[in-house]
Protein backbone atom coordinates (compact mmCIF):
# COMPACT_ATOMS: atom_id res chain seq x y z
CA MET A 1 73.29 85.79 17.15
CA LYS A 2 70.82 83.31 15.49
CA VAL A 3 68.15 81.58 17.73
CA VAL A 4 66.46 78.69 16.00
CA TYR A 5 62.56 78.73 17.09
CA HIS A 6 59.06 78.22 15.75
CA GLU A 7 55.66 79.38 17.22
CA ASN A 8 54.35 75.87 17.41
CA PHE A 9 56.86 75.36 20.33
CA ASN A 10 54.23 77.32 22.11
CA GLN A 11 51.64 74.94 22.21
CA VAL A 12 50.74 72.91 25.13
CA TYR A 13 51.21 69.40 23.68
CA THR A 14 51.11 67.52 26.91
CA SER A 15 50.44 68.10 30.77
CA ASP A 16 54.40 68.00 31.68
CA PRO A 17 56.25 70.94 33.00
CA ALA A 18 58.41 71.11 29.55
CA ALA A 19 55.18 71.91 27.74
CA ALA A 20 53.53 74.39 30.15
CA ALA A 21 52.08 77.44 28.95
CA GLY A 22 54.20 80.52 28.59
CA ARG A 23 57.43 78.68 29.09
CA MET A 24 58.72 79.46 25.44
CA GLU A 25 57.09 82.86 25.55
CA ALA A 26 58.95 83.84 28.58
CA VAL A 27 62.34 83.10 26.67
CA VAL A 28 61.21 84.91 23.47
CA ASP A 29 60.13 87.91 25.44
CA VAL A 30 63.65 88.36 26.61
CA LEU A 31 65.56 87.72 23.46
CA LYS A 32 63.00 89.52 21.18
CA GLY A 33 65.10 92.67 19.77
CA ARG A 34 68.46 90.89 20.82
CA VAL A 35 68.79 88.02 18.53
CA THR A 36 67.83 87.01 14.92
CA PHE A 37 65.14 84.09 14.97
CA VAL A 38 65.52 81.41 12.39
CA GLU A 39 62.60 78.89 11.57
CA PRO A 40 63.35 75.28 11.40
CA GLU A 41 61.77 72.61 9.40
CA PRO A 42 60.88 69.15 10.98
CA ALA A 43 63.57 66.44 10.99
CA GLU A 44 63.46 63.95 7.94
CA GLN A 45 62.46 60.58 9.29
CA GLU A 46 65.89 59.17 7.98
CA ASP A 47 67.51 61.39 10.58
CA ILE A 48 65.49 60.23 13.29
CA GLU A 49 66.07 56.76 12.12
CA ARG A 50 69.68 57.10 12.61
CA VAL A 51 69.21 57.30 16.57
CA HIS A 52 65.91 55.60 17.29
CA THR A 53 64.48 52.33 16.51
CA ALA A 54 61.39 51.80 14.44
CA GLY A 55 59.13 50.81 17.33
CA HIS A 56 60.34 53.85 19.38
CA ILE A 57 59.27 56.10 16.51
CA ALA A 58 55.85 54.28 16.07
CA SER A 59 55.29 54.64 19.72
CA VAL A 60 55.82 58.47 19.70
CA LYS A 61 53.58 58.22 16.64
CA ARG A 62 50.67 56.49 18.54
CA LYS A 63 51.03 59.18 21.21
CA GLY A 64 50.31 61.99 18.70
CA LEU A 65 53.64 63.71 19.42
CA TYR A 66 55.57 62.80 16.34
CA GLU A 67 54.97 66.34 14.42
CA ILE A 68 56.18 68.44 17.48
CA ALA A 69 58.88 66.05 18.58
CA ALA A 70 60.16 66.03 15.01
CA LEU A 71 60.05 69.79 14.63
CA ALA A 72 62.07 69.69 17.83
CA ALA A 73 64.67 67.44 16.30
CA GLY A 74 64.86 69.60 13.18
CA GLY A 75 65.29 72.55 15.11
CA ALA A 76 68.38 70.91 16.70
CA ILE A 77 69.79 69.93 13.28
CA LYS A 78 69.44 73.40 12.03
CA ALA A 79 70.99 75.00 15.31
CA ALA A 80 73.87 72.52 14.85
CA GLU A 81 74.41 73.54 10.86
CA ILE A 82 74.56 77.22 11.81
CA GLY A 83 76.90 76.61 14.58
CA LEU A 84 79.19 75.24 12.11
CA THR A 85 80.10 78.72 11.28
CA GLU A 86 78.66 80.97 14.04
CA PRO A 87 77.38 80.28 17.58
CA CYS A 88 73.76 79.23 17.47
CA PHE A 89 70.97 78.13 20.18
CA GLY A 90 68.02 76.23 19.54
CA LEU A 91 64.96 77.26 21.49
CA ILE A 92 63.30 73.98 20.86
CA ARG A 93 60.85 71.85 22.66
CA PRO A 94 60.26 68.78 23.62
CA PRO A 95 63.57 68.49 25.20
CA GLY A 96 65.49 65.44 24.27
CA HIS A 97 68.46 64.26 26.54
CA HIS A 98 66.39 61.50 28.31
CA ALA A 99 65.41 59.85 24.98
CA SER A 100 67.39 56.48 24.25
CA ALA A 101 67.20 54.72 21.22
CA ASN A 102 64.15 52.50 22.09
CA ARG A 103 62.85 54.49 24.99
CA SER A 104 62.49 57.91 26.38
CA TRP A 105 61.11 59.65 29.72
CA GLY A 106 61.42 62.82 31.50
CA PHE A 107 59.20 64.96 28.95
CA CYS A 108 61.45 63.76 26.17
CA TYR A 109 60.75 61.69 22.88
CA PHE A 110 63.36 62.00 20.22
CA ASN A 111 67.03 62.75 21.01
CA ASN A 112 67.39 66.26 19.57
CA MET A 113 71.38 66.07 20.47
CA ALA A 114 71.86 62.85 18.76
CA THR A 115 70.04 63.57 15.95
CA ALA A 116 71.85 66.76 15.27
CA LEU A 117 75.29 65.52 15.42
CA GLU A 118 74.66 62.29 13.68
CA ASN A 119 73.34 64.33 10.66
CA LEU A 120 76.41 66.48 10.75
CA LYS A 121 78.90 63.22 11.27
CA THR A 122 77.04 61.70 8.55
CA ARG A 123 77.62 64.42 6.19
CA GLU A 124 81.26 64.69 7.38
CA LYS A 125 80.56 68.13 8.61
CA ILE A 126 82.54 67.41 11.99
CA GLU A 127 85.25 64.79 13.10
CA ARG A 128 84.84 65.00 16.70
CA ALA A 129 82.21 66.55 19.15
CA PHE A 130 82.16 67.45 22.71
CA VAL A 131 78.67 67.83 24.39
CA LEU A 132 78.29 69.50 27.88
CA ASP A 133 75.18 68.56 29.64
CA PHE A 134 74.45 71.17 32.29
CA ASP A 135 70.90 70.15 33.06
CA LEU A 136 69.93 69.29 36.53
CA HIS A 137 69.17 65.63 35.31
CA PHE A 138 71.93 63.08 34.06
CA GLY A 139 71.32 62.98 30.12
CA ASP A 140 70.90 59.42 30.09
CA GLY A 141 69.69 59.47 26.57
CA ASN A 142 72.64 61.23 25.35
CA VAL A 143 74.99 59.04 26.64
CA ASN A 144 73.13 55.74 25.62
CA ILE A 145 73.02 56.81 22.00
CA LEU A 146 76.11 58.84 21.73
CA GLU A 147 78.72 57.17 23.86
CA THR A 148 79.29 54.22 21.71
CA LYS A 149 79.76 56.35 18.56
CA GLY A 150 83.46 56.88 19.19
CA TYR A 151 83.64 60.34 17.98
CA VAL A 152 81.65 62.22 21.02
CA SER A 153 82.78 62.88 24.41
CA LEU A 154 80.21 63.61 27.12
CA LEU A 155 80.19 65.74 30.33
CA ASN A 156 77.20 65.33 32.59
CA PRO A 157 78.91 67.52 35.78
CA PRO A 158 78.16 65.49 39.15
CA GLU A 159 79.41 67.86 41.38
CA ARG A 160 76.94 69.38 44.09
CA ASP A 161 79.16 72.09 45.14
CA ARG A 162 78.83 75.19 42.59
CA ARG A 163 82.54 76.02 42.65
CA SER A 164 83.45 72.32 41.98
CA TYR A 165 81.00 72.08 39.16
CA LEU A 166 82.35 75.03 37.29
CA GLU A 167 85.75 73.83 37.88
CA ALA A 168 84.97 70.58 36.19
CA VAL A 169 83.29 72.24 33.19
CA GLU A 170 86.30 74.72 32.53
CA GLU A 171 88.62 71.80 33.04
CA ALA A 172 86.92 69.49 30.57
CA LEU A 173 86.38 72.13 27.78
CA ALA A 174 90.19 73.31 28.34
CA GLU A 175 91.32 69.81 27.28
CA THR A 176 88.90 68.94 24.50
CA ASP A 177 90.15 68.79 21.08
CA ALA A 178 86.82 68.65 19.43
CA ASP A 179 85.75 70.56 16.52
CA MET A 180 82.04 70.85 17.40
CA ILE A 181 81.12 72.00 20.92
CA ALA A 182 77.55 71.56 22.18
CA ALA A 183 75.37 71.73 24.90
CA SER A 184 72.33 70.35 26.17
CA ALA A 185 71.24 73.19 28.02
CA GLY A 186 69.11 72.72 30.82
CA PHE A 187 68.47 75.80 33.04
CA ASP A 188 66.93 73.84 36.20
CA HIS A 189 70.22 73.74 38.01
CA HIS A 190 69.59 77.69 38.50
CA VAL A 191 69.36 78.83 42.31
CA ASP A 192 65.76 79.65 41.61
CA ASP A 193 64.88 76.44 39.77
CA TRP A 194 64.51 72.90 41.04
CA GLY A 195 68.35 72.65 41.53
CA GLY A 196 69.27 75.53 43.40
CA LEU A 197 72.90 75.40 42.54
CA LEU A 198 73.91 77.75 40.00
CA LYS A 199 73.80 81.54 39.42
CA THR A 200 72.73 83.27 36.30
CA GLU A 201 76.29 84.43 35.46
CA ASP A 202 77.48 80.95 35.79
CA TYR A 203 75.67 80.21 32.43
CA ALA A 204 77.28 83.07 30.69
CA LEU A 205 80.76 81.63 31.99
CA MET A 206 80.31 78.10 30.68
CA GLY A 207 79.10 79.82 27.21
CA ARG A 208 82.14 81.38 26.99
CA TRP A 209 84.31 78.43 27.68
CA MET A 210 82.49 76.56 25.26
CA GLY A 211 83.24 79.47 22.69
CA GLU A 212 86.89 79.67 23.80
CA ALA A 213 87.04 75.61 22.96
CA ALA A 214 85.35 76.20 19.55
CA ARG A 215 87.74 78.83 18.54
CA ARG A 216 90.62 76.99 19.97
CA ASN A 217 90.07 74.10 17.80
CA SER A 218 88.72 75.90 14.84
CA GLY A 219 85.39 74.32 14.99
CA GLY A 220 81.81 75.19 15.67
CA CYS A 221 79.33 75.60 18.82
CA PHE A 222 75.68 75.51 19.65
CA GLY A 223 73.20 74.66 22.22
CA ILE A 224 69.79 73.34 22.39
CA LEU A 225 67.18 73.90 25.25
CA GLU A 226 66.32 70.98 27.63
CA GLY A 227 65.13 71.79 31.10
CA GLY A 228 64.40 75.24 33.07
CA TYR A 229 60.80 75.34 34.66
CA ASN A 230 61.00 78.81 36.33
CA HIS A 231 59.65 81.07 33.93
CA SER A 232 60.53 84.25 35.73
CA VAL A 233 64.44 83.50 35.35
CA LEU A 234 64.46 81.05 32.29
CA GLY A 235 64.91 83.81 29.74
CA LYS A 236 67.49 85.70 31.54
CA ASN A 237 69.60 82.57 31.87
CA VAL A 238 69.23 81.71 28.42
CA LEU A 239 70.06 85.11 27.19
CA PHE A 240 73.30 85.05 29.40
CA PHE A 241 74.44 81.77 28.06
CA ILE A 242 74.02 82.85 24.56
CA GLU A 243 75.94 85.86 25.16
CA GLY A 244 78.63 83.61 26.72
CA LEU A 245 78.76 81.62 23.48
CA SER A 246 79.42 84.74 21.49
CA THR A 247 81.89 86.38 23.29
CA GLY A 248 83.78 82.98 23.90
CA LEU A 249 84.46 83.15 20.27
CA CYS A 250 86.22 86.54 20.55
CA LYS A 251 87.94 86.70 23.99
CA ALA A 252 88.86 84.64 26.99
CA ALA A 253 86.39 84.15 29.57
CA PRO A 254 87.31 85.51 33.14
CA ARG A 255 87.48 83.09 36.23
CA PHE A 256 84.18 82.65 38.12
């Protein structure tokens, strides 16, 4: 499986947890030898302008974060492009699901998911998309930008019970007819992270259900990294998720 990654994502660009030293290396160390790493290019400014105002882009530039944020957005575009024909994961940062058109918070600057999907839609590569955001925190930026587009359905499971959470995800993915299945993949809902809810095997299940939906709809699937701050479990959680994506395209997933 291909994983989009750039060594520049290792840099500590701010003092927030998403930029903490060792975060990306913790994932790379687990994935090394198991995946094929693909290096992205920065997103073109026209791609970013499709989802963000000129004022917001200027604000990110003033903070000195434009280059790393554009590289993350470019990584999401690359993952989505590969995802048209095979499952793919974007191991990128800064994250993006709290970035709206004219503002951002929560360690985000540009909305990576929106940038990627708008790129595909503009080029008529997809008709409909389904976004599963399983990060601990509600993806307000994804909703603010994509909900009004008309071609994107979004799920931020609100359940606080593990079984109910997984049932909601399984049901939504079983019902969607989208030809692109995407995940804002935040791993901070893990039992050993901030959320304390999901088990490592749950990420494999959700990945498999995504892959099944893509196979059923003759479409594609991809995920991009959002949250996840316990470095000791982050790599394994990512591995289980991407393995789930791959196996879901080949066979039905078991029940939890």
